[in-house]
Amino acid sequence: MRILITGIAGFIGYSLAKALLSEGHDIIGLDNLNPFYSVRLKQKRLAELEKYSGFEFQAMDITSPNIADSINSPERLDRIIHLAGHAGVRRSLEEPQAY
């Protein structure tokens, strides 16, 4: 199965991707690598996922217009798992588009 996961560099996205890759699935991971918390930690997670031949990473912001046009081979996706987001309820009320 070919699966797109948003928020791939976050803890949950990374953990899910690692489990699915170990089961033999192909994963396209999206993340904007924002500095809300350690970008270095996110890069370390991505480096671990890069060890799997079925993994592809695309650095992009899912709030960008026409994001579907930016994803490589979207017609070949079997599933999309949306895990991207920011932490913090108060800020979400001030900047809903970012969330």
Protein backbone atom coordinates (compact mmCIF):
# COMPACT_ATOMS: atom_id res chain seq x y z
CA MET A 1 0.00 0.00 0.00
CA ARG A 2 1.20 3.55 -0.78
CA ILE A 3 0.37 5.94 2.07
CA LEU A 4 0.85 9.69 2.44
CA ILE A 5 1.42 10.90 6.01
CA THR A 6 1.38 14.59 6.92
CA GLY A 7 3.36 15.66 9.97
CA ILE A 8 5.85 12.85 9.32
CA ALA A 9 8.64 14.39 11.43
CA GLY A 10 6.49 14.66 14.55
CA PHE A 11 6.53 11.88 17.14
CA ILE A 12 3.26 10.25 16.08
CA GLY A 13 3.87 10.59 12.34
CA TYR A 14 7.39 9.20 12.67
CA SER A 15 6.29 6.28 14.86
CA LEU A 16 3.42 5.35 12.55
CA ALA A 17 5.60 5.61 9.45
CA LYS A 18 8.28 3.41 10.99
CA ALA A 19 5.70 0.74 11.85
CA LEU A 20 4.12 0.85 8.39
CA LEU A 21 7.48 0.79 6.61
CA SER A 22 8.54 -2.24 8.64
CA GLU A 23 5.36 -3.96 7.38
CA GLY A 24 6.43 -3.27 3.78
CA HIS A 25 4.23 -0.28 2.93
CA ASP A 26 5.51 2.64 0.85
CA ILE A 27 5.30 6.00 2.61
CA ILE A 28 5.36 9.56 1.30
CA GLY A 29 5.98 11.86 4.24
CA LEU A 30 5.18 15.56 4.30
CA ASP A 31 6.37 18.07 6.89
CA ASN A 32 7.29 21.74 6.88
CA LEU A 33 9.89 21.22 9.63
CA ASN A 34 8.75 24.33 11.49
CA PRO A 35 10.85 25.38 14.49
CA PHE A 36 8.03 25.08 17.06
CA TYR A 37 10.29 22.47 18.63
CA SER A 38 13.69 21.03 17.70
CA VAL A 39 14.22 20.84 13.94
CA ARG A 40 17.32 18.79 14.69
CA LEU A 41 15.16 16.14 16.38
CA LYS A 42 12.82 16.12 13.37
CA GLN A 43 15.79 15.69 11.03
CA LYS A 44 17.07 12.76 13.11
CA ARG A 45 13.67 11.07 12.79
CA LEU A 46 13.67 11.61 9.05
CA ALA A 47 17.18 10.18 8.80
CA GLU A 48 15.91 7.01 10.48
CA LEU A 49 13.02 6.75 8.03
CA GLU A 50 15.35 7.35 5.06
CA LYS A 51 16.93 3.96 5.82
CA TYR A 52 13.81 2.31 4.37
CA SER A 53 13.70 1.97 0.59
CA GLY A 54 9.94 2.60 0.56
CA PHE A 55 10.21 6.05 2.15
CA GLU A 56 10.05 9.38 0.35
CA PHE A 57 10.12 12.76 2.11
CA GLN A 58 8.78 16.03 0.71
CA ALA A 59 9.36 19.23 2.68
CA MET A 60 6.24 21.33 2.25
CA ASP A 61 3.64 23.31 4.13
CA ILE A 62 0.21 21.73 3.77
CA THR A 63 -1.45 25.14 4.13
CA SER A 64 0.06 26.20 0.80
CA PRO A 65 -2.40 26.69 -2.07
CA ASN A 66 -2.46 23.91 -4.66
CA ILE A 67 -0.63 21.46 -2.44
CA ALA A 68 -2.11 18.52 -4.34
CA ASP A 69 -0.23 19.68 -7.44
CA SER A 70 3.04 19.59 -5.46
CA ILE A 71 2.78 15.98 -4.27
CA ASN A 72 4.60 13.48 -6.44
CA SER A 73 2.21 10.96 -8.00
CA PRO A 74 -0.92 11.73 -5.91
CA GLU A 75 -2.98 9.44 -8.14
CA ARG A 76 -1.04 6.48 -6.82
CA LEU A 77 -1.99 6.96 -3.17
CA ASP A 78 -4.02 4.30 -1.39
CA ARG A 79 -4.43 6.22 1.88
CA ILE A 80 -3.80 9.65 3.38
CA ILE A 81 -3.17 9.96 7.11
CA HIS A 82 -3.33 13.56 8.27
CA LEU A 83 -1.27 14.14 11.42
CA ALA A 84 0.16 17.60 10.74
CA GLY A 85 -0.70 20.34 13.17
CA HIS A 86 0.55 22.76 15.76
CA ALA A 87 0.29 22.42 19.49
CA GLY A 88 -1.52 25.02 21.54
CA VAL A 89 -5.22 25.77 21.72
CA ARG A 90 -4.97 29.52 22.42
CA ARG A 91 -2.88 30.27 19.35
CA SER A 92 -5.27 28.23 17.19
CA LEU A 93 -8.00 30.74 18.01
CA GLU A 94 -5.78 33.61 16.90
CA GLU A 95 -4.40 31.91 13.77
CA PRO A 96 -6.92 29.24 12.67
CA GLN A 97 -5.45 28.92 9.15
CA ALA A 98 -2.11 27.81 10.60
CA TYR A 99 -3.87 25.02 12.45
